[in-house]
Amino acid sequence: MTKTAIPFRRLVITALLLCLVAGLAVVGAFTRFDAALTARRMALSPRVATGDVVFVAIDKQSLDAIGVWPWDRGIYAGLIDRLASANARDIFFDIDFSARSSPESDERLQQALEAAGGGVVLPSFTQYRSSGDHRDLTGVTAPNALFADHAWIASVSLSADADGIVRRFPYGEQQGDGFVMSVPATLAGVAETQAAPFVIDFSIDPETVPRYSLIDVVSGRVDASAFADKIVVVGASAIELKDNFVVPVYGLLSGPMVQILATETLLQGRALKPVSPLPLLLLAGLVGLAALSPRLRLRSQALMVGSSVVAFEAGAFWLQAGFGLLVPTVAAHVLLGLLVAGRFLEELDLRTWLLRLASVEADNSRSLLGQVISDSADAILVVDEEGLPVQHSAQLAALFPAIAAAGQGRSVLALLPEPWRHGIAASIAHLREGHSAPTTLAEIALPGQAGEDLVLEYTITASRLTQAAGGSRLNDAHRFVACITARDITERR
């Protein structure tokens, strides 16, 4: 394989993985995970409310003090009078006034609304016509005309994401023949009819929103200056009234508080704007190509990839906290993970190939060496330190048939001439003590087959073997071997 083939192959693989991850991002495969990271960043960068929005809560204390629910509308009328006299900027009631009540109560509320001079906002919302109707038919619930003529109407309709969590609020919606602004857009003075729902900034801490119990307000226990030039939101916070939504960071929040946080988001210019994942994906692809180069060590590759992941998250946190930009990072992390996995498999495949090549070369060398020994004109015997035969030549079998017939697993030391036994032991002992490999050169006379002595010239050389962990070959299982090479010099003598 040429040097240019590997980079081109990696470039193609990176491009394919980039297209795959980009496709998954487009279809929303990582949306929920990015939303979780967005919520985590919100929790790590809490913000304080402006203080321009005040929450008058219908809490348990108020329910216990006033009694049976729903309340007489004269209570709301008295609250409007008190807030109007305190010079509240806007008053929003997150309460359904679509039905009629007693004539006296309705008239009292109507008069309070009229006296407020249009400073009160009442809710309308879209709903399914019945709980069992799965068709795309909806109805609009709006304040009764008796009250609507003296107030602003704003939409409180919102919907949760697929996981049941509320993260966005629309700027408004089409109700009947007209477009109705949402409560947050109305209270914040944002006129937007074409934009998609904005992401609520849940880093704004609900605990920093000024909050008063309704019973304390109507009883005069709250100073009127607390409402001067403020936006006042009146709504239920008591769990019993079941006006609650699941939101990021805080879990369960009352409907009025969701409206307040959405309003605060617009007032602070914090309508979070999602950013396309593609630029970060391209950057992750380039990082993968650079960091996972085979020329880099594994430690350097891991450091570069890990640093990139941290940098992506740090950058996303900075952009979200400082500029209200939502950077989806999950797709980039997934791409880096796939590139790392691909690099690992590539490395594993390369190492496997090298191991196979080394094994083939070792087998070839072993086979060639065995053939050379077997065909040698000299008598050659290789034994380990216990006397077990490792290899021998055909000439050895002719000189020492008993040794050749001994086979594997049986010591042949007893079959060797005594000088050879002493030479093997001395050579291995010398090498074991750390000295250089010794070589014994001597002659020996042995009885021949025709009654004449054979004169053999021989050498004994000891060698240290490198052991393989868990090796199964005999010569891998012992540390020392000795090689005896003998040549018949009878004729020369």
Protein backbone atom coordinates (compact mmCIF):
# COMPACT_ATOMS: atom_id res chain seq x y z
CA MET A 1 0.00 0.00 0.00
CA THR A 2 1.42 3.38 -0.95
CA LYS A 3 1.86 6.27 1.42
CA THR A 4 -0.85 8.33 -0.29
CA ALA A 5 -3.47 5.55 -0.22
CA ILE A 6 -3.97 5.59 3.53
CA PRO A 7 -4.71 9.35 3.84
CA PHE A 8 -7.12 9.15 0.91
CA ARG A 9 -8.91 6.20 2.47
CA ARG A 10 -9.23 8.01 5.78
CA LEU A 11 -10.52 11.10 3.98
CA VAL A 12 -13.23 9.05 2.28
CA ILE A 13 -14.23 7.33 5.54
CA THR A 14 -14.36 10.67 7.35
CA ALA A 15 -16.55 12.17 4.62
CA LEU A 16 -18.94 9.21 4.74
CA LEU A 17 -19.22 9.35 8.52
CA LEU A 18 -19.73 13.11 8.33
CA CYS A 19 -22.64 12.66 5.91
CA LEU A 20 -24.13 9.92 8.08
CA VAL A 21 -24.02 11.97 11.28
CA ALA A 22 -25.26 15.10 9.49
CA GLY A 23 -28.24 13.13 8.18
CA LEU A 24 -29.04 11.86 11.66
CA ALA A 25 -28.80 15.41 13.02
CA VAL A 26 -31.18 16.71 10.34
CA VAL A 27 -33.85 14.12 11.25
CA GLY A 28 -33.52 15.02 14.94
CA ALA A 29 -31.73 11.91 16.20
CA PHE A 30 -29.69 13.96 18.71
CA THR A 31 -32.32 16.57 19.63
CA ARG A 32 -33.15 15.15 23.05
CA PHE A 33 -29.48 14.79 23.99
CA ASP A 34 -28.69 18.33 22.88
CA ALA A 35 -31.68 19.57 24.88
CA ALA A 36 -30.28 17.85 27.97
CA LEU A 37 -26.89 19.53 27.45
CA THR A 38 -28.62 22.88 26.91
CA ALA A 39 -30.47 22.46 30.21
CA ARG A 40 -27.20 21.58 31.95
CA ARG A 41 -25.57 24.75 30.63
CA MET A 42 -28.58 26.75 31.84
CA ALA A 43 -28.20 25.26 35.31
CA LEU A 44 -24.49 26.15 35.35
CA SER A 45 -25.09 29.81 34.42
CA PRO A 46 -28.02 31.08 36.54
CA ARG A 47 -29.40 34.53 35.80
CA VAL A 48 -31.38 36.95 37.95
CA ALA A 49 -34.82 38.16 36.89
CA THR A 50 -35.19 41.84 35.98
CA GLY A 51 -37.64 42.49 38.80
CA ASP A 52 -40.01 44.14 36.30
CA VAL A 53 -42.42 41.20 36.50
CA VAL A 54 -44.20 40.49 39.79
CA PHE A 55 -46.05 37.25 40.56
CA VAL A 56 -49.24 37.44 42.60
CA ALA A 57 -49.81 33.81 43.44
CA ILE A 58 -53.04 32.00 44.11
CA ASP A 59 -51.30 29.73 46.58
CA LYS A 60 -52.54 27.37 49.26
CA GLN A 61 -52.55 30.19 51.82
CA SER A 62 -54.94 32.16 49.61
CA LEU A 63 -57.15 29.13 48.93
CA ASP A 64 -57.44 28.40 52.64
CA ALA A 65 -58.21 32.01 53.48
CA ILE A 66 -60.83 32.70 50.78
CA GLY A 67 -62.44 29.27 50.66
CA VAL A 68 -64.42 27.52 47.92
CA TRP A 69 -62.94 27.46 44.41
CA PRO A 70 -63.71 29.02 41.93
CA TRP A 71 -63.75 32.32 43.70
CA ASP A 72 -66.29 35.07 43.38
CA ARG A 73 -65.14 37.42 40.61
CA GLY A 74 -65.51 40.34 42.97
CA ILE A 75 -62.20 39.21 44.50
CA TYR A 76 -60.44 39.70 41.15
CA ALA A 77 -62.21 43.02 40.69
CA GLY A 78 -60.89 44.22 44.04
CA LEU A 79 -57.40 43.05 43.09
CA ILE A 80 -57.57 44.97 39.80
CA ASP A 81 -58.64 48.13 41.63
CA ARG A 82 -55.77 47.79 44.11
CA LEU A 83 -53.13 47.13 41.44
CA ALA A 84 -54.41 49.90 39.18
CA SER A 85 -54.29 52.38 42.04
CA ALA A 86 -50.68 51.23 42.66
CA ASN A 87 -49.86 52.27 39.07
CA ALA A 88 -49.07 48.77 37.83
CA ARG A 89 -47.87 48.88 34.23
CA ASP A 90 -49.80 45.78 33.04
CA ILE A 91 -51.95 43.22 34.82
CA PHE A 92 -52.28 39.72 33.41
CA PHE A 93 -54.74 37.19 34.77
CA ASP A 94 -53.86 33.59 33.95
CA ILE A 95 -57.46 32.63 34.73
CA ASP A 96 -60.24 31.44 32.46
CA PHE A 97 -63.02 34.05 32.25
CA SER A 98 -64.83 32.47 29.28
CA ALA A 99 -67.97 31.51 31.24
CA ARG A 100 -70.50 33.72 32.99
CA SER A 101 -70.90 33.78 36.73
CA SER A 102 -73.48 35.53 38.87
CA PRO A 103 -74.70 38.82 37.37
CA GLU A 104 -73.42 40.81 40.35
CA SER A 105 -69.91 39.28 40.21
CA ASP A 106 -69.65 39.67 36.46
CA GLU A 107 -70.76 43.28 36.62
CA ARG A 108 -68.27 44.03 39.37
CA LEU A 109 -65.40 42.55 37.30
CA GLN A 110 -66.56 44.37 34.18
CA GLN A 111 -66.53 47.69 36.03
CA ALA A 112 -63.01 47.03 37.40
CA LEU A 113 -61.72 46.21 33.93
CA GLU A 114 -63.28 49.34 32.48
CA ALA A 115 -61.85 51.48 35.27
CA ALA A 116 -58.38 50.02 34.65
CA GLY A 117 -58.47 51.68 31.22
CA GLY A 118 -57.26 48.72 29.18
CA GLY A 119 -54.35 47.88 31.46
CA VAL A 120 -55.50 44.28 31.99
CA VAL A 121 -54.59 41.31 29.79
CA LEU A 122 -56.90 38.28 29.74
CA PRO A 123 -56.02 34.86 28.30
CA SER A 124 -57.28 32.94 25.32
CA PHE A 125 -56.07 29.51 24.27
CA THR A 126 -56.58 26.82 21.67
CA GLN A 127 -57.76 23.37 22.73
CA TYR A 128 -59.14 20.14 21.30
CA ARG A 129 -62.91 20.11 21.08
CA SER A 130 -63.05 16.93 23.17
CA SER A 131 -60.52 14.66 24.84
CA GLY A 132 -61.53 11.75 22.62
CA ASP A 133 -61.33 13.68 19.37
CA HIS A 134 -58.09 12.80 17.60
CA ARG A 135 -58.90 14.74 14.47
CA ASP A 136 -57.14 17.99 13.74
CA LEU A 137 -60.07 20.05 14.97
CA THR A 138 -59.51 22.66 17.65
CA GLY A 139 -61.53 25.26 19.42
CA VAL A 140 -60.60 28.62 20.89
CA THR A 141 -61.44 29.48 24.47
CA ALA A 142 -61.53 33.26 24.95
CA PRO A 143 -62.82 35.64 27.65
CA ASN A 144 -66.52 36.32 27.62
CA ALA A 145 -67.41 39.33 25.48
CA LEU A 146 -68.58 41.08 28.66
CA PHE A 147 -64.94 41.24 29.77
CA ALA A 148 -63.09 41.10 26.44
CA ASP A 149 -64.41 44.51 25.43
CA HIS A 150 -62.47 46.14 28.29
CA ALA A 151 -59.17 44.18 28.19
CA TRP A 152 -56.36 43.05 25.92
CA ILE A 153 -56.56 39.44 24.77
CA ALA A 154 -53.37 37.38 24.55
CA SER A 155 -52.72 33.71 23.89
CA VAL A 156 -51.46 31.39 26.62
CA SER A 157 -51.29 28.35 24.32
CA LEU A 158 -48.08 26.39 24.55
CA SER A 159 -47.12 22.81 23.81
CA ALA A 160 -44.53 20.40 25.12
CA ASP A 161 -41.87 18.67 23.06
CA ALA A 162 -42.11 14.97 22.25
CA ASP A 163 -40.64 14.08 25.66
CA GLY A 164 -43.34 16.06 27.50
CA ILE A 165 -41.06 18.95 28.49
CA VAL A 166 -41.95 22.56 27.73
CA ARG A 167 -38.98 24.42 26.25
CA ARG A 168 -40.49 26.92 23.79
CA PHE A 169 -43.14 29.58 23.70
CA PRO A 170 -44.75 30.95 20.52
CA TYR A 171 -44.88 34.66 19.77
CA GLY A 172 -48.56 34.15 19.05
CA GLU A 173 -50.99 31.99 17.12
CA GLN A 174 -53.80 32.15 14.63
CA GLN A 175 -57.13 32.10 16.44
CA GLY A 176 -60.12 32.19 14.17
CA ASP A 177 -59.68 34.93 11.59
CA GLY A 178 -56.95 36.84 13.40
CA PHE A 179 -53.46 36.47 14.81
CA VAL A 180 -53.34 36.76 18.61
CA MET A 181 -50.05 37.67 20.29
CA SER A 182 -48.88 35.44 23.12
CA VAL A 183 -48.85 36.69 26.69
CA PRO A 184 -45.00 36.92 26.90
CA ALA A 185 -44.82 38.84 23.60
CA THR A 186 -47.65 41.16 24.70
CA LEU A 187 -46.19 41.87 28.15
CA ALA A 188 -42.67 42.34 26.77
CA GLY A 189 -43.88 44.53 23.89
CA VAL A 190 -42.46 42.27 21.17
CA ALA A 191 -44.51 42.35 17.95
CA GLU A 192 -43.49 39.28 15.96
CA THR A 193 -45.87 37.34 13.77
CA GLN A 194 -43.60 35.29 11.49
CA ALA A 195 -40.92 33.86 13.78
CA ALA A 196 -40.95 30.31 15.11
CA PRO A 197 -41.49 29.76 18.84
CA PHE A 198 -38.55 31.01 20.88
CA VAL A 199 -36.60 28.91 23.36
CA ILE A 200 -37.23 30.01 26.94
CA ASP A 201 -34.08 30.77 28.89
CA PHE A 202 -34.52 28.63 31.98
CA SER A 203 -31.24 29.89 33.39
CA ILE A 204 -33.40 32.74 34.78
CA ASP A 205 -34.00 31.72 38.37
CA PRO A 206 -37.73 31.69 39.37
CA GLU A 207 -36.68 32.38 42.95
CA THR A 208 -35.48 35.84 41.92
CA VAL A 209 -38.94 36.82 40.61
CA PRO A 210 -40.75 39.05 43.18
CA ARG A 211 -43.66 36.99 44.51
CA TYR A 212 -46.60 37.79 46.79
CA SER A 213 -49.53 35.76 48.02
CA LEU A 214 -52.85 37.00 46.58
CA ILE A 215 -54.49 37.03 50.00
CA ASP A 216 -51.74 39.34 51.29
CA VAL A 217 -52.25 41.73 48.36
CA VAL A 218 -56.04 41.96 48.60
CA SER A 219 -55.77 42.31 52.39
CA GLY A 220 -53.47 45.33 52.00
CA ARG A 221 -50.47 43.65 53.66
CA VAL A 222 -48.19 44.39 50.65
CA ASP A 223 -46.93 47.93 50.09
CA ALA A 224 -48.40 49.45 46.91
CA SER A 225 -44.92 50.56 45.78
CA ALA A 226 -44.08 46.91 45.07
CA PHE A 227 -46.33 47.12 41.98
CA ALA A 228 -45.55 50.60 40.69
CA ASP A 229 -44.63 50.46 36.98
CA LYS A 230 -44.44 46.65 37.19
CA ILE A 231 -45.92 43.88 35.09
CA VAL A 232 -48.13 41.88 37.42
CA VAL A 233 -48.98 38.28 36.64
CA VAL A 234 -51.85 36.76 38.61
CA GLY A 235 -52.25 32.98 38.51
CA ALA A 236 -52.34 29.68 40.31
CA SER A 237 -49.31 28.23 42.03
CA ALA A 238 -51.12 25.85 44.37
CA ILE A 239 -50.62 22.19 43.41
CA GLU A 240 -54.34 21.59 44.00
CA LEU A 241 -55.25 23.71 40.99
CA LYS A 242 -53.15 21.50 38.67
CA ASP A 243 -51.79 24.29 36.49
CA ASN A 244 -48.26 22.91 36.20
CA PHE A 245 -45.78 22.05 33.44
CA VAL A 246 -42.57 20.04 33.28
CA VAL A 247 -39.66 22.26 32.23
CA PRO A 248 -35.86 21.93 32.03
CA VAL A 249 -33.66 22.68 35.05
CA TYR A 250 -36.50 23.13 37.55
CA GLY A 251 -38.74 20.17 36.85
CA LEU A 252 -42.33 21.16 37.71
CA LEU A 253 -43.32 24.83 37.39
CA SER A 254 -46.69 26.52 37.61
CA GLY A 255 -48.23 27.81 34.40
CA PRO A 256 -48.00 31.49 35.46
CA MET A 257 -44.29 31.06 36.29
CA VAL A 258 -43.66 29.59 32.83
CA GLN A 259 -45.37 32.68 31.40
CA ILE A 260 -43.19 34.90 33.60
CA LEU A 261 -39.92 33.19 32.60
CA ALA A 262 -40.91 33.46 28.94
CA THR A 263 -41.63 37.17 29.46
CA GLU A 264 -38.32 37.63 31.26
CA THR A 265 -36.58 35.88 28.37
CA LEU A 266 -37.92 38.51 25.96
CA LEU A 267 -37.33 41.41 28.32
CA GLN A 268 -33.68 40.43 28.75
CA GLY A 269 -33.19 39.76 25.03
CA ARG A 270 -32.47 36.13 25.85
CA ALA A 271 -34.69 34.38 23.29
CA LEU A 272 -32.26 31.54 22.64
CA LYS A 273 -31.42 30.93 18.99
CA PRO A 274 -30.50 27.42 17.76
CA VAL A 275 -27.41 27.17 15.56
CA SER A 276 -26.92 24.67 12.73
CA PRO A 277 -24.79 21.66 13.76
CA LEU A 278 -23.00 21.53 10.38
CA PRO A 279 -20.13 24.01 11.10
CA LEU A 280 -19.18 22.19 14.27
CA LEU A 281 -19.50 18.85 12.45
CA LEU A 282 -17.05 20.02 9.79
CA LEU A 283 -14.66 21.19 12.49
CA ALA A 284 -14.97 17.82 14.25
CA GLY A 285 -14.15 16.07 10.96
CA LEU A 286 -11.00 18.16 10.51
CA VAL A 287 -10.00 17.53 14.11
CA GLY A 288 -10.50 13.81 13.57
CA LEU A 289 -8.30 13.81 10.47
CA ALA A 290 -5.55 15.70 12.26
CA ALA A 291 -5.73 14.03 15.67
CA LEU A 292 -6.07 10.44 14.50
CA SER A 293 -3.13 10.46 12.12
CA PRO A 294 -1.15 7.18 12.26
CA ARG A 295 2.00 9.28 12.63
CA LEU A 296 0.91 10.35 16.14
CA ARG A 297 1.26 8.22 19.22
CA LEU A 298 -1.84 6.85 20.88
CA ARG A 299 -1.40 9.14 23.88
CA SER A 300 -1.21 12.20 21.64
CA GLN A 301 -4.29 11.11 19.71
CA ALA A 302 -6.30 10.61 22.92
CA LEU A 303 -5.14 14.00 24.25
CA MET A 304 -6.14 15.84 21.07
CA VAL A 305 -9.57 14.19 20.83
CA GLY A 306 -10.29 14.71 24.53
CA SER A 307 -9.19 18.34 24.35
CA SER A 308 -11.45 18.86 21.33
CA VAL A 309 -14.49 17.50 23.17
CA VAL A 310 -13.78 19.81 26.12
CA ALA A 311 -13.22 22.76 23.78
CA PHE A 312 -16.51 22.11 21.96
CA GLU A 313 -18.44 22.06 25.24
CA ALA A 314 -16.64 25.11 26.63
CA GLY A 315 -17.34 27.04 23.45
CA ALA A 316 -21.00 26.01 23.43
CA PHE A 317 -21.35 27.08 27.08
CA TRP A 318 -19.72 30.46 26.37
CA LEU A 319 -21.93 31.15 23.34
CA GLN A 320 -25.10 30.14 25.19
CA ALA A 321 -24.35 32.04 28.38
CA GLY A 322 -23.00 35.15 26.69
CA PHE A 323 -24.87 35.43 23.41
CA GLY A 324 -27.97 33.23 23.71
CA LEU A 325 -26.84 30.86 20.94
CA LEU A 326 -27.70 27.17 21.25
CA VAL A 327 -24.88 25.14 19.74
CA PRO A 328 -25.74 21.45 19.27
CA THR A 329 -22.59 19.53 20.17
CA VAL A 330 -23.83 15.95 20.37
CA ALA A 331 -23.48 15.34 16.62
CA ALA A 332 -19.84 16.50 16.74
CA HIS A 333 -19.14 14.22 19.70
CA VAL A 334 -20.76 11.29 17.90
CA LEU A 335 -18.66 11.95 14.79
CA LEU A 336 -15.45 12.06 16.84
CA GLY A 337 -16.49 8.85 18.58
CA LEU A 338 -17.07 7.10 15.26
CA LEU A 339 -13.73 8.34 13.93
CA VAL A 340 -11.96 7.09 17.06
CA ALA A 341 -13.71 3.73 16.72
CA GLY A 342 -12.72 3.55 13.05
CA ARG A 343 -9.12 4.42 13.89
CA PHE A 344 -9.11 1.75 16.59
CA LEU A 345 -10.43 -0.88 14.19
CA GLU A 346 -7.91 0.23 11.58
CA GLU A 347 -5.09 -0.08 14.11
CA LEU A 348 -6.42 -3.44 15.31
CA ASP A 349 -6.59 -4.69 11.74
CA LEU A 350 -3.04 -3.46 11.04
CA ARG A 351 -1.64 -5.11 14.15
CA THR A 352 -3.44 -8.34 13.35
CA TRP A 353 -1.94 -8.24 9.86
CA LEU A 354 1.54 -7.59 11.26
CA LEU A 355 1.16 -10.43 13.75
CA ARG A 356 0.09 -12.78 10.99
CA LEU A 357 3.04 -11.66 8.86
CA ALA A 358 5.44 -12.17 11.76
CA SER A 359 3.96 -15.59 12.47
CA VAL A 360 4.31 -16.63 8.82
CA GLU A 361 7.90 -15.39 8.73
CA ALA A 362 8.70 -17.20 11.97
CA ASP A 363 7.14 -20.42 10.68
CA ASN A 364 9.07 -20.07 7.42
CA SER A 365 12.32 -19.44 9.28
CA ARG A 366 11.67 -22.36 11.60
CA SER A 367 10.85 -24.64 8.70
CA LEU A 368 13.91 -23.53 6.77
CA LEU A 369 16.18 -23.95 9.79
CA GLY A 370 14.74 -27.39 10.46
CA GLN A 371 15.37 -28.39 6.87
CA VAL A 372 18.96 -27.11 7.02
CA ILE A 373 19.60 -29.05 10.23
CA SER A 374 17.93 -32.17 8.92
CA ASP A 375 19.93 -32.18 5.67
CA SER A 376 23.25 -31.23 7.22
CA ALA A 377 26.24 -33.53 6.63
CA ASP A 378 27.15 -33.10 10.30
CA ALA A 379 25.44 -34.76 13.23
CA ILE A 380 23.45 -31.99 14.91
CA LEU A 381 21.42 -32.30 18.11
CA VAL A 382 19.60 -29.48 19.93
CA VAL A 383 18.40 -30.25 23.48
CA ASP A 384 16.99 -28.11 26.25
CA GLU A 385 18.38 -27.93 29.77
CA GLU A 386 16.38 -31.01 30.78
CA GLY A 387 17.71 -33.05 27.92
CA LEU A 388 14.53 -33.03 25.83
CA PRO A 389 15.36 -33.09 22.09
CA VAL A 390 14.33 -29.99 20.15
CA GLN A 391 15.81 -30.76 16.72
CA HIS A 392 18.30 -33.17 15.17
CA SER A 393 19.83 -33.94 11.77
CA ALA A 394 19.56 -37.12 9.69
CA GLN A 395 23.29 -37.74 10.22
CA LEU A 396 22.72 -37.85 13.97
CA ALA A 397 20.13 -40.57 13.48
CA ALA A 398 22.76 -42.61 11.59
CA LEU A 399 25.36 -42.21 14.33
CA PHE A 400 23.00 -42.47 17.32
CA PRO A 401 19.86 -44.44 16.36
CA ALA A 402 18.72 -44.65 19.99
CA ILE A 403 18.70 -40.85 20.35
CA ALA A 404 16.77 -40.41 17.11
CA ALA A 405 14.22 -43.00 18.22
CA ALA A 406 13.69 -41.40 21.65
CA GLY A 407 11.13 -38.92 20.30
CA GLN A 408 9.62 -35.87 21.93
CA GLY A 409 9.00 -35.64 25.64
CA ARG A 410 11.85 -38.00 26.68
CA SER A 411 15.24 -36.91 27.96
CA VAL A 412 18.17 -38.19 25.91
CA LEU A 413 20.94 -37.15 28.29
CA ALA A 414 21.48 -40.74 29.43
CA LEU A 415 22.03 -41.77 25.82
CA LEU A 416 24.75 -39.19 25.20
CA PRO A 417 28.44 -39.77 25.77
CA GLU A 418 29.57 -38.58 29.18
CA PRO A 419 31.77 -35.74 27.82
CA TRP A 420 28.74 -34.40 25.97
CA ARG A 421 26.59 -34.49 29.11
CA HIS A 422 29.24 -32.62 31.07
CA GLY A 423 29.76 -30.15 28.21
CA ILE A 424 26.00 -29.38 27.97
CA ALA A 425 25.71 -28.81 31.73
CA ALA A 426 28.84 -26.65 31.86
CA SER A 427 27.84 -24.50 28.87
CA ILE A 428 24.33 -23.82 30.21
CA ALA A 429 25.64 -23.11 33.73
CA HIS A 430 28.21 -20.70 32.32
CA LEU A 431 25.52 -18.86 30.34
CA ARG A 432 23.09 -18.86 33.28
CA GLU A 433 25.68 -17.08 35.43
CA GLY A 434 25.64 -14.15 32.98
CA HIS A 435 28.82 -14.89 31.07
CA SER A 436 28.98 -14.75 27.29
CA ALA A 437 27.84 -17.85 25.44
CA PRO A 438 30.63 -20.43 25.67
CA THR A 439 31.64 -22.86 22.89
CA THR A 440 33.21 -26.24 23.66
CA LEU A 441 35.46 -27.71 20.90
CA ALA A 442 36.86 -31.22 21.40
CA GLU A 443 37.23 -34.72 19.96
CA ILE A 444 35.79 -38.02 21.13
CA ALA A 445 36.31 -41.63 20.08
CA LEU A 446 33.23 -43.87 19.90
CA PRO A 447 32.90 -47.54 19.02
CA GLY A 448 31.97 -48.00 15.33
CA GLN A 449 29.73 -50.59 13.71
CA ALA A 450 32.66 -52.54 12.13
CA GLY A 451 34.62 -52.79 15.36
CA GLU A 452 36.69 -49.74 14.58
CA ASP A 453 36.56 -46.57 16.65
CA LEU A 454 34.98 -43.46 15.20
CA VAL A 455 36.68 -40.18 15.89
CA LEU A 456 34.23 -37.29 16.14
CA GLU A 457 35.12 -33.62 16.32
CA TYR A 458 32.36 -31.76 18.11
CA THR A 459 31.32 -28.38 19.47
CA ILE A 460 28.78 -27.58 22.19
CA THR A 461 27.17 -24.15 22.20
CA ALA A 462 24.56 -22.90 24.73
CA SER A 463 21.89 -20.31 23.91
CA ARG A 464 19.32 -18.36 25.90
CA LEU A 465 15.77 -18.38 24.55
CA THR A 466 13.25 -15.53 24.79
CA GLN A 467 10.17 -17.02 26.42
CA ALA A 468 6.70 -16.28 25.06
CA ALA A 469 4.00 -15.78 27.70
CA GLY A 470 1.65 -18.71 27.53
CA GLY A 471 3.78 -20.25 24.77
CA SER A 472 2.94 -23.79 23.84
CA ARG A 473 6.05 -24.67 21.82
CA LEU A 474 8.74 -26.60 23.61
CA ASN A 475 11.50 -24.15 22.79
CA ASP A 476 9.31 -21.29 24.05
CA ALA A 477 8.81 -22.95 27.40
CA HIS A 478 12.47 -23.12 28.49
CA ARG A 479 15.16 -20.54 28.86
CA PHE A 480 18.30 -22.45 27.72
CA VAL A 481 19.20 -24.92 24.96
CA ALA A 482 22.46 -26.53 23.90
CA CYS A 483 23.48 -27.40 20.34
CA ILE A 484 25.92 -30.27 19.69
CA THR A 485 27.52 -30.35 16.25
CA ALA A 486 29.68 -33.44 15.54
CA ARG A 487 31.67 -34.37 12.43
CA ASP A 488 33.29 -37.75 11.58
CA ILE A 489 37.09 -37.18 11.18
CA THR A 490 38.12 -40.82 11.34
CA GLU A 491 39.50 -40.83 7.81
CA ARG A 492 41.47 -37.67 8.45
CA ARG A 493 42.99 -39.19 11.55
